[in-house]
């Protein structure tokens, strides 16, 4: 409430005026100021009033002149802004997309058909040994040429001094069984595996690599994944880009695509039939 009354009184005073004339206010200022000139202008005689009026006006002009110079100097002061932009040359980016799955299984399936049947039969013999004259005799006969090149065998080491080697596809295991030190065994090199799955995987990789290595290079390239199959978009600085010519990694079957890209979205064939475990 006190603040409201103060503003109301201030408003009324502005509306009614100060209550004194401007002449009375000027005389009051000259009589109470600490400046020498104005006080003597109103109290001295006519001659001194004129002299003090001239001196007061002169020094007041000098003061305002100096203020003007100071303000003008401040406004005209030269400001130097130092702006340095650092930059360095940037090599054009290259992103190499390597496809670890070099071949489409649908393209090489006909080449690996017999190998797949052979490995399936080997797994059945290892995991679920079946007696002779079972239903497996009704299936088409297996091509054992690949098997005879590098066979998978079971080594019975119950007797450390006389281990027994059992061929998985031997029609009569007892007839095919024999000590490892028997005739001709000195020419064989055996590699042991801790699990049947590891042995079968390594054997499949070795055999499939041998089969596909006989295919001409251009045909192997056609069987592999092309860049268009994996790269959906390629942008660098909002500008479109694409892949360059593919780079063959020597004897390896992997496909390398050096791409001048910042962002690259790839689409892989997720179907299990399109996956081939080649090195």
C-alpha atoms as a PDB file:
ATOM      1  CA  UNK A   1       0.000   0.000   0.000  1.00  0.00           C
ATOM      2  CA  UNK A   2       2.821   2.454   0.824  1.00  0.00           C
ATOM      3  CA  UNK A   3       4.372   1.817  -2.581  1.00  0.00           C
ATOM      4  CA  UNK A   4       1.037   2.504  -4.255  1.00  0.00           C
ATOM      5  CA  UNK A   5       0.635   5.817  -2.391  1.00  0.00           C
ATOM      6  CA  UNK A   6       4.183   6.819  -3.399  1.00  0.00           C
ATOM      7  CA  UNK A   7       3.465   6.255  -7.096  1.00  0.00           C
ATOM      8  CA  UNK A   8       0.119   8.094  -6.836  1.00  0.00           C
ATOM      9  CA  UNK A   9       1.805  11.153  -5.280  1.00  0.00           C
ATOM     10  CA  UNK A  10       4.538  11.073  -7.920  1.00  0.00           C
ATOM     11  CA  UNK A  11       1.902  10.984 -10.651  1.00  0.00           C
ATOM     12  CA  UNK A  12       0.018  13.940  -9.135  1.00  0.00           C
ATOM     13  CA  UNK A  13       3.240  15.946  -8.799  1.00  0.00           C
ATOM     14  CA  UNK A  14       4.038  15.371 -12.464  1.00  0.00           C
ATOM     15  CA  UNK A  15       0.531  16.419 -13.441  1.00  0.00           C
ATOM     16  CA  UNK A  16       0.516  19.591 -11.258  1.00  0.00           C
ATOM     17  CA  UNK A  17       4.156  20.577 -11.864  1.00  0.00           C
ATOM     18  CA  UNK A  18       7.009  21.157  -9.374  1.00  0.00           C
ATOM     19  CA  UNK A  19       5.215  24.002  -7.538  1.00  0.00           C
ATOM     20  CA  UNK A  20       8.009  26.494  -8.326  1.00  0.00           C
ATOM     21  CA  UNK A  21       8.810  28.578 -11.401  1.00  0.00           C
ATOM     22  CA  UNK A  22      11.863  27.754 -13.496  1.00  0.00           C
ATOM     23  CA  UNK A  23      13.457  31.050 -12.445  1.00  0.00           C
ATOM     24  CA  UNK A  24      13.102  30.167  -8.772  1.00  0.00           C
ATOM     25  CA  UNK A  25      14.606  26.723  -9.424  1.00  0.00           C
ATOM     26  CA  UNK A  26      17.548  28.244 -11.326  1.00  0.00           C
ATOM     27  CA  UNK A  27      18.252  30.720  -8.516  1.00  0.00           C
ATOM     28  CA  UNK A  28      18.058  27.926  -5.948  1.00  0.00           C
ATOM     29  CA  UNK A  29      20.523  25.817  -7.955  1.00  0.00           C
ATOM     30  CA  UNK A  30      23.000  28.681  -8.386  1.00  0.00           C
ATOM     31  CA  UNK A  31      22.814  29.475  -4.676  1.00  0.00           C
ATOM     32  CA  UNK A  32      23.394  25.907  -3.498  1.00  0.00           C
ATOM     33  CA  UNK A  33      25.786  24.491  -6.097  1.00  0.00           C
ATOM     34  CA  UNK A  34      29.487  23.902  -5.372  1.00  0.00           C
ATOM     35  CA  UNK A  35      30.495  25.428  -8.708  1.00  0.00           C
ATOM     36  CA  UNK A  36      32.117  28.851  -8.237  1.00  0.00           C
ATOM     37  CA  UNK A  37      30.624  30.661 -11.216  1.00  0.00           C
ATOM     38  CA  UNK A  38      26.844  30.282 -10.837  1.00  0.00           C
ATOM     39  CA  UNK A  39      26.865  31.305  -7.165  1.00  0.00           C
ATOM     40  CA  UNK A  40      28.748  34.525  -7.883  1.00  0.00           C
ATOM     41  CA  UNK A  41      26.602  35.350 -10.897  1.00  0.00           C
ATOM     42  CA  UNK A  42      23.552  35.878  -8.680  1.00  0.00           C
ATOM     43  CA  UNK A  43      25.345  37.534  -5.729  1.00  0.00           C
ATOM     44  CA  UNK A  44      27.997  39.877  -7.192  1.00  0.00           C
ATOM     45  CA  UNK A  45      27.589  43.239  -8.791  1.00  0.00           C
ATOM     46  CA  UNK A  46      26.713  43.831 -12.432  1.00  0.00           C
ATOM     47  CA  UNK A  47      30.328  43.860 -13.717  1.00  0.00           C
ATOM     48  CA  UNK A  48      31.384  40.787 -11.763  1.00  0.00           C
ATOM     49  CA  UNK A  49      28.183  39.037 -12.823  1.00  0.00           C
ATOM     50  CA  UNK A  50      29.140  39.628 -16.468  1.00  0.00           C
ATOM     51  CA  UNK A  51      32.735  38.448 -15.938  1.00  0.00           C
ATOM     52  CA  UNK A  52      31.680  35.356 -13.979  1.00  0.00           C
ATOM     53  CA  UNK A  53      28.997  34.594 -16.541  1.00  0.00           C
ATOM     54  CA  UNK A  54      31.589  34.740 -19.344  1.00  0.00           C
ATOM     55  CA  UNK A  55      34.099  32.597 -17.441  1.00  0.00           C
ATOM     56  CA  UNK A  56      31.443  30.068 -16.472  1.00  0.00           C
ATOM     57  CA  UNK A  57      30.222  29.840 -20.060  1.00  0.00           C
ATOM     58  CA  UNK A  58      33.817  29.523 -21.359  1.00  0.00           C
ATOM     59  CA  UNK A  59      34.828  26.729 -19.016  1.00  0.00           C
ATOM     60  CA  UNK A  60      31.509  24.963 -19.471  1.00  0.00           C
ATOM     61  CA  UNK A  61      32.126  25.059 -23.230  1.00  0.00           C
ATOM     62  CA  UNK A  62      35.629  23.645 -22.730  1.00  0.00           C
ATOM     63  CA  UNK A  63      34.233  20.833 -20.613  1.00  0.00           C
ATOM     64  CA  UNK A  64      31.570  19.935 -23.185  1.00  0.00           C
ATOM     65  CA  UNK A  65      34.166  20.181 -25.955  1.00  0.00           C
ATOM     66  CA  UNK A  66      36.451  17.697 -24.166  1.00  0.00           C
ATOM     67  CA  UNK A  67      33.519  15.418 -23.565  1.00  0.00           C
ATOM     68  CA  UNK A  68      32.696  15.557 -27.261  1.00  0.00           C
ATOM     69  CA  UNK A  69      36.288  14.717 -28.193  1.00  0.00           C
ATOM     70  CA  UNK A  70      36.331  11.823 -25.736  1.00  0.00           C
ATOM     71  CA  UNK A  71      33.048  10.394 -26.996  1.00  0.00           C
ATOM     72  CA  UNK A  72      34.058  10.843 -30.641  1.00  0.00           C
ATOM     73  CA  UNK A  73      37.403   9.134 -29.996  1.00  0.00           C
ATOM     74  CA  UNK A  74      35.656   6.223 -28.316  1.00  0.00           C
ATOM     75  CA  UNK A  75      33.167   5.816 -31.141  1.00  0.00           C
ATOM     76  CA  UNK A  76      35.838   6.055 -33.853  1.00  0.00           C
ATOM     77  CA  UNK A  77      38.232   3.655 -32.146  1.00  0.00           C
ATOM     78  CA  UNK A  78      39.429   1.053 -34.630  1.00  0.00           C
ATOM     79  CA  UNK A  79      38.633  -2.491 -33.577  1.00  0.00           C
ATOM     80  CA  UNK A  80      40.744  -5.179 -35.215  1.00  0.00           C
ATOM     81  CA  UNK A  81      39.182  -8.624 -35.222  1.00  0.00           C
ATOM     82  CA  UNK A  82      41.547 -11.467 -35.926  1.00  0.00           C
ATOM     83  CA  UNK A  83      39.746 -14.486 -37.353  1.00  0.00           C
ATOM     84  CA  UNK A  84      41.781 -17.506 -38.288  1.00  0.00           C
ATOM     85  CA  UNK A  85      40.276 -20.588 -39.876  1.00  0.00           C
ATOM     86  CA  UNK A  86      42.400 -23.664 -39.629  1.00  0.00           C
ATOM     87  CA  UNK A  87      42.060 -26.358 -42.245  1.00  0.00           C
ATOM     88  CA  UNK A  88      44.003 -29.277 -43.557  1.00  0.00           C
ATOM     89  CA  UNK A  89      43.782 -31.411 -46.599  1.00  0.00           C
ATOM     90  CA  UNK A  90      41.613 -34.482 -46.255  1.00  0.00           C
ATOM     91  CA  UNK A  91      42.073 -37.590 -48.271  1.00  0.00           C
ATOM     92  CA  UNK A  92      38.993 -38.827 -50.023  1.00  0.00           C
ATOM     93  CA  UNK A  93      37.574 -41.469 -47.683  1.00  0.00           C
ATOM     94  CA  UNK A  94      37.575 -45.069 -48.739  1.00  0.00           C
ATOM     95  CA  UNK A  95      35.561 -47.733 -46.969  1.00  0.00           C
ATOM     96  CA  UNK A  96      36.350 -51.284 -47.966  1.00  0.00           C
ATOM     97  CA  UNK A  97      33.482 -53.718 -47.630  1.00  0.00           C
ATOM     98  CA  UNK A  98      34.729 -57.293 -47.382  1.00  0.00           C
ATOM     99  CA  UNK A  99      32.312 -60.145 -47.840  1.00  0.00           C
ATOM    100  CA  UNK A 100      33.509 -63.131 -45.820  1.00  0.00           C
ATOM    101  CA  UNK A 101      30.948 -65.327 -47.588  1.00  0.00           C
ATOM    102  CA  UNK A 102      32.407 -65.363 -51.111  1.00  0.00           C
ATOM    103  CA  UNK A 103      29.859 -67.523 -52.914  1.00  0.00           C
ATOM    104  CA  UNK A 104      26.108 -67.738 -53.153  1.00  0.00           C
ATOM    105  CA  UNK A 105      25.172 -71.216 -52.076  1.00  0.00           C
ATOM    106  CA  UNK A 106      22.402 -71.292 -54.673  1.00  0.00           C
ATOM    107  CA  UNK A 107      25.058 -70.822 -57.387  1.00  0.00           C
ATOM    108  CA  UNK A 108      27.460 -73.511 -56.153  1.00  0.00           C
ATOM    109  CA  UNK A 109      24.899 -75.966 -54.850  1.00  0.00           C
ATOM    110  CA  UNK A 110      25.178 -78.203 -57.914  1.00  0.00           C
ATOM    111  CA  UNK A 111      28.947 -78.432 -57.421  1.00  0.00           C
ATOM    112  CA  UNK A 112      28.630 -79.371 -53.752  1.00  0.00           C
ATOM    113  CA  UNK A 113      25.671 -81.726 -54.106  1.00  0.00           C
ATOM    114  CA  UNK A 114      27.677 -84.951 -53.738  1.00  0.00           C
ATOM    115  CA  UNK A 115      29.801 -83.419 -50.973  1.00  0.00           C
ATOM    116  CA  UNK A 116      26.664 -82.460 -49.022  1.00  0.00           C
ATOM    117  CA  UNK A 117      25.264 -86.002 -49.339  1.00  0.00           C
ATOM    118  CA  UNK A 118      28.593 -87.408 -48.249  1.00  0.00           C
ATOM    119  CA  UNK A 119      28.886 -85.162 -45.194  1.00  0.00           C
ATOM    120  CA  UNK A 120      25.274 -85.888 -44.215  1.00  0.00           C
ATOM    121  CA  UNK A 121      25.921 -89.610 -44.348  1.00  0.00           C
ATOM    122  CA  UNK A 122      29.144 -89.180 -42.380  1.00  0.00           C
ATOM    123  CA  UNK A 123      27.314 -87.307 -39.630  1.00  0.00           C
ATOM    124  CA  UNK A 124      24.701 -90.046 -39.436  1.00  0.00           C
ATOM    125  CA  UNK A 125      27.422 -92.692 -39.141  1.00  0.00           C
ATOM    126  CA  UNK A 126      29.257 -90.723 -36.429  1.00  0.00           C
ATOM    127  CA  UNK A 127      26.297 -89.598 -34.332  1.00  0.00           C
ATOM    128  CA  UNK A 128      23.858 -92.457 -34.869  1.00  0.00           C
ATOM    129  CA  UNK A 129      25.642 -95.606 -36.036  1.00  0.00           C
ATOM    130  CA  UNK A 130      23.124 -97.793 -37.842  1.00  0.00           C
ATOM    131  CA  UNK A 131      23.339-101.577 -38.396  1.00  0.00           C
ATOM    132  CA  UNK A 132      23.924-102.997 -41.815  1.00  0.00           C
ATOM    133  CA  UNK A 133      20.965-103.612 -44.174  1.00  0.00           C
ATOM    134  CA  UNK A 134      19.063-100.673 -42.656  1.00  0.00           C
ATOM    135  CA  UNK A 135      16.945 -98.144 -44.539  1.00  0.00           C
ATOM    136  CA  UNK A 136      20.068 -96.294 -45.685  1.00  0.00           C
ATOM    137  CA  UNK A 137      20.626 -99.019 -48.309  1.00  0.00           C
ATOM    138  CA  UNK A 138      17.613 -97.699 -50.195  1.00  0.00           C
ATOM    139  CA  UNK A 139      19.243 -94.311 -50.730  1.00  0.00           C
ATOM    140  CA  UNK A 140      21.342 -93.656 -53.864  1.00  0.00           C
ATOM    141  CA  UNK A 141      24.913 -94.882 -53.591  1.00  0.00           C
ATOM    142  CA  UNK A 142      27.477 -92.349 -52.416  1.00  0.00           C
ATOM    143  CA  UNK A 143      30.361 -91.144 -54.549  1.00  0.00           C
ATOM    144  CA  UNK A 144      33.319 -91.998 -52.325  1.00  0.00           C
ATOM    145  CA  UNK A 145      36.025 -90.527 -54.552  1.00  0.00           C
ATOM    146  CA  UNK A 146      36.316 -87.432 -52.339  1.00  0.00           C
ATOM    147  CA  UNK A 147      36.254 -89.635 -49.281  1.00  0.00           C
ATOM    148  CA  UNK A 148      39.092 -91.820 -50.479  1.00  0.00           C
ATOM    149  CA  UNK A 149      41.279 -88.757 -51.101  1.00  0.00           C
ATOM    150  CA  UNK A 150      41.112 -87.545 -47.483  1.00  0.00           C
ATOM    151  CA  UNK A 151      38.948 -89.843 -45.334  1.00  0.00           C
ATOM    152  CA  UNK A 152      37.583 -89.251 -41.857  1.00  0.00           C
ATOM    153  CA  UNK A 153      38.446 -92.031 -39.456  1.00  0.00           C
ATOM    154  CA  UNK A 154      37.795 -92.901 -35.838  1.00  0.00           C
ATOM    155  CA  UNK A 155      40.871 -93.780 -33.784  1.00  0.00           C
ATOM    156  CA  UNK A 156      40.310 -96.066 -30.815  1.00  0.00           C
ATOM    157  CA  UNK A 157      43.076 -95.302 -28.327  1.00  0.00           C
ATOM    158  CA  UNK A 158      42.003 -97.499 -25.445  1.00  0.00           C
ATOM    159  CA  UNK A 159      45.238 -99.349 -26.017  1.00  0.00           C
ATOM    160  CA  UNK A 160      47.815 -96.569 -26.296  1.00  0.00           C
ATOM    161  CA  UNK A 161      50.421 -98.901 -27.750  1.00  0.00           C
ATOM    162  CA  UNK A 162      48.118-100.343 -30.421  1.00  0.00           C
ATOM    163  CA  UNK A 163      45.508 -97.758 -31.482  1.00  0.00           C
ATOM    164  CA  UNK A 164      42.833 -99.015 -33.875  1.00  0.00           C
ATOM    165  CA  UNK A 165      41.737 -96.947 -36.910  1.00  0.00           C
ATOM    166  CA  UNK A 166      38.119 -97.369 -38.033  1.00  0.00           C
ATOM    167  CA  UNK A 167      36.938 -96.045 -41.395  1.00  0.00           C
ATOM    168  CA  UNK A 168      33.488 -94.467 -41.064  1.00  0.00           C
ATOM    169  CA  UNK A 169      32.253 -95.765 -44.429  1.00  0.00           C
ATOM    170  CA  UNK A 170      33.850 -99.197 -44.200  1.00  0.00           C
ATOM    171  CA  UNK A 171      31.112-101.719 -44.960  1.00  0.00           C
ATOM    172  CA  UNK A 172      32.588-104.163 -42.475  1.00  0.00           C
ATOM    173  CA  UNK A 173      34.305-102.322 -39.661  1.00  0.00           C
ATOM    174  CA  UNK A 174      35.837-105.403 -38.157  1.00  0.00           C
ATOM    175  CA  UNK A 175      37.464-106.234 -41.460  1.00  0.00           C
ATOM    176  CA  UNK A 176      38.613-102.675 -41.961  1.00  0.00           C
ATOM    177  CA  UNK A 177      39.892-102.300 -38.444  1.00  0.00           C
ATOM    178  CA  UNK A 178      43.546-102.670 -37.803  1.00  0.00           C
ATOM    179  CA  UNK A 179      46.379-101.324 -35.775  1.00  0.00           C
ATOM    180  CA  UNK A 180      47.683 -97.917 -36.735  1.00  0.00           C
ATOM    181  CA  UNK A 181      51.149 -99.322 -37.124  1.00  0.00           C
ATOM    182  CA  UNK A 182      50.035-101.779 -39.776  1.00  0.00           C
ATOM    183  CA  UNK A 183      51.123-101.995 -43.394  1.00  0.00           C
ATOM    184  CA  UNK A 184      50.997 -98.663 -45.225  1.00  0.00           C
ATOM    185  CA  UNK A 185      50.119 -96.647 -42.144  1.00  0.00           C
ATOM    186  CA  UNK A 186      53.537 -95.017 -42.120  1.00  0.00           C
ATOM    187  CA  UNK A 187      52.542 -93.004 -45.217  1.00  0.00           C
ATOM    188  CA  UNK A 188      49.517 -91.442 -43.482  1.00  0.00           C
ATOM    189  CA  UNK A 189      49.426 -88.273 -41.432  1.00  0.00           C
ATOM    190  CA  UNK A 190      46.556 -88.025 -38.962  1.00  0.00           C
ATOM    191  CA  UNK A 191      45.189 -84.858 -37.468  1.00  0.00           C
ATOM    192  CA  UNK A 192      43.276 -85.255 -34.238  1.00  0.00           C
ATOM    193  CA  UNK A 193      40.174 -83.234 -33.339  1.00  0.00           C
ATOM    194  CA  UNK A 194      38.543 -82.892 -29.962  1.00  0.00           C
ATOM    195  CA  UNK A 195      35.000 -83.151 -31.355  1.00  0.00           C
ATOM    196  CA  UNK A 196      33.286 -84.740 -34.316  1.00  0.00           C
ATOM    197  CA  UNK A 197      31.676 -81.426 -35.296  1.00  0.00           C
ATOM    198  CA  UNK A 198      35.067 -79.735 -35.573  1.00  0.00           C
ATOM    199  CA  UNK A 199      36.486 -82.589 -37.635  1.00  0.00           C
ATOM    200  CA  UNK A 200      33.529 -82.627 -40.033  1.00  0.00           C
ATOM    201  CA  UNK A 201      33.630 -78.830 -40.422  1.00  0.00           C
ATOM    202  CA  UNK A 202      37.346 -78.780 -41.231  1.00  0.00           C
ATOM    203  CA  UNK A 203      36.941 -81.657 -43.665  1.00  0.00           C
ATOM    204  CA  UNK A 204      34.012 -79.956 -45.414  1.00  0.00           C
ATOM    205  CA  UNK A 205      35.961 -76.695 -45.765  1.00  0.00           C
ATOM    206  CA  UNK A 206      38.952 -78.516 -47.220  1.00  0.00           C
ATOM    207  CA  UNK A 207      36.901 -80.501 -49.735  1.00  0.00           C
ATOM    208  CA  UNK A 208      34.686 -77.594 -50.828  1.00  0.00           C
ATOM    209  CA  UNK A 209      37.720 -75.350 -51.320  1.00  0.00           C
ATOM    210  CA  UNK A 210      39.317 -78.031 -53.460  1.00  0.00           C
ATOM    211  CA  UNK A 211      36.171 -78.354 -55.591  1.00  0.00           C
ATOM    212  CA  UNK A 212      35.654 -74.617 -56.094  1.00  0.00           C
ATOM    213  CA  UNK A 213      39.321 -73.993 -56.879  1.00  0.00           C
ATOM    214  CA  UNK A 214      38.838 -75.956 -60.104  1.00  0.00           C
ATOM    215  CA  UNK A 215      36.183 -73.486 -61.306  1.00  0.00           C
ATOM    216  CA  UNK A 216      37.492 -70.726 -63.655  1.00  0.00           C
ATOM    217  CA  UNK A 217      38.051 -67.313 -62.083  1.00  0.00           C
ATOM    218  CA  UNK A 218      35.374 -65.491 -64.070  1.00  0.00           C
ATOM    219  CA  UNK A 219      32.845 -68.152 -63.164  1.00  0.00           C
ATOM    220  CA  UNK A 220      33.764 -67.859 -59.469  1.00  0.00           C
ATOM    221  CA  UNK A 221      33.266 -64.092 -59.672  1.00  0.00           C
ATOM    222  CA  UNK A 222      29.836 -64.623 -61.189  1.00  0.00           C
ATOM    223  CA  UNK A 223      28.931 -67.040 -58.400  1.00  0.00           C
ATOM    224  CA  UNK A 224      29.886 -64.542 -55.706  1.00  0.00           C
ATOM    225  CA  UNK A 225      27.964 -61.622 -54.248  1.00  0.00           C
ATOM    226  CA  UNK A 226      28.105 -58.483 -56.361  1.00  0.00           C
ATOM    227  CA  UNK A 227      28.393 -54.985 -54.948  1.00  0.00           C
ATOM    228  CA  UNK A 228      24.840 -54.207 -56.057  1.00  0.00           C
ATOM    229  CA  UNK A 229      23.594 -57.018 -53.803  1.00  0.00           C
ATOM    230  CA  UNK A 230      25.118 -55.511 -50.650  1.00  0.00           C
ATOM    231  CA  UNK A 231      25.213 -51.720 -51.138  1.00  0.00           C
ATOM    232  CA  UNK A 232      21.899 -49.908 -51.094  1.00  0.00           C
ATOM    233  CA  UNK A 233      23.049 -46.270 -50.734  1.00  0.00           C
ATOM    234  CA  UNK A 234      26.340 -44.419 -50.900  1.00  0.00           C
ATOM    235  CA  UNK A 235      26.690 -40.750 -49.857  1.00  0.00           C
ATOM    236  CA  UNK A 236      29.673 -38.475 -49.281  1.00  0.00           C
ATOM    237  CA  UNK A 237      28.902 -34.893 -48.250  1.00  0.00           C
ATOM    238  CA  UNK A 238      25.310 -35.354 -49.425  1.00  0.00           C
ATOM    239  CA  UNK A 239      26.661 -36.266 -52.860  1.00  0.00           C
ATOM    240  CA  UNK A 240      25.961 -39.692 -54.330  1.00  0.00           C
ATOM    241  CA  UNK A 241      28.870 -42.047 -54.897  1.00  0.00           C
ATOM    242  CA  UNK A 242      29.327 -45.665 -55.867  1.00  0.00           C
ATOM    243  CA  UNK A 243      31.800 -48.495 -55.667  1.00  0.00           C
ATOM    244  CA  UNK A 244      34.903 -48.867 -57.775  1.00  0.00           C
ATOM    245  CA  UNK A 245      36.133 -51.970 -59.513  1.00  0.00           C
ATOM    246  CA  UNK A 246      36.384 -54.944 -57.225  1.00  0.00           C
ATOM    247  CA  UNK A 247      39.741 -56.067 -55.884  1.00  0.00           C
ATOM    248  CA  UNK A 248      40.554 -59.744 -55.860  1.00  0.00           C
ATOM    249  CA  UNK A 249      42.561 -60.885 -52.861  1.00  0.00           C
ATOM    250  CA  UNK A 250      44.860 -63.267 -54.732  1.00  0.00           C
ATOM    251  CA  UNK A 251      44.072 -66.910 -54.153  1.00  0.00           C
ATOM    252  CA  UNK A 252      41.451 -66.080 -51.550  1.00  0.00           C
ATOM    253  CA  UNK A 253      37.844 -66.160 -52.645  1.00  0.00           C
ATOM    254  CA  UNK A 254      36.708 -63.176 -50.578  1.00  0.00           C
ATOM    255  CA  UNK A 255      35.416 -60.144 -52.458  1.00  0.00           C
ATOM    256  CA  UNK A 256      36.654 -56.646 -51.602  1.00  0.00           C
ATOM    257  CA  UNK A 257      34.887 -53.459 -52.687  1.00  0.00           C
ATOM    258  CA  UNK A 258      36.707 -50.170 -51.930  1.00  0.00           C
ATOM    259  CA  UNK A 259      33.979 -47.573 -51.559  1.00  0.00           C
ATOM    260  CA  UNK A 260      34.351 -43.770 -51.340  1.00  0.00           C
ATOM    261  CA  UNK A 261      31.541 -43.515 -48.833  1.00  0.00           C
ATOM    262  CA  UNK A 262      30.660 -41.958 -45.494  1.00  0.00           C
ATOM    263  CA  UNK A 263      27.495 -43.963 -44.918  1.00  0.00           C
ATOM    264  CA  UNK A 264      26.817 -47.283 -46.471  1.00  0.00           C
ATOM    265  CA  UNK A 265      23.911 -49.579 -45.717  1.00  0.00           C
ATOM    266  CA  UNK A 266      24.404 -53.189 -46.661  1.00  0.00           C
ATOM    267  CA  UNK A 267      21.876 -55.935 -47.247  1.00  0.00           C
ATOM    268  CA  UNK A 268      23.014 -59.446 -46.563  1.00  0.00           C
ATOM    269  CA  UNK A 269      21.276 -62.603 -47.702  1.00  0.00           C
ATOM    270  CA  UNK A 270      19.975 -63.862 -44.388  1.00  0.00           C
ATOM    271  CA  UNK A 271      18.720 -67.220 -45.628  1.00  0.00           C
ATOM    272  CA  UNK A 272      20.654 -70.105 -44.204  1.00  0.00           C
ATOM    273  CA  UNK A 273      20.885 -71.690 -47.654  1.00  0.00           C
ATOM    274  CA  UNK A 274      22.957 -68.697 -48.781  1.00  0.00           C
ATOM    275  CA  UNK A 275      25.698 -69.282 -46.214  1.00  0.00           C
ATOM    276  CA  UNK A 276      28.776 -71.253 -47.056  1.00  0.00           C
ATOM    277  CA  UNK A 277      31.505 -71.704 -44.416  1.00  0.00           C
ATOM    278  CA  UNK A 278      34.522 -71.066 -46.609  1.00  0.00           C
ATOM    279  CA  UNK A 279      37.686 -69.360 -45.293  1.00  0.00           C
END
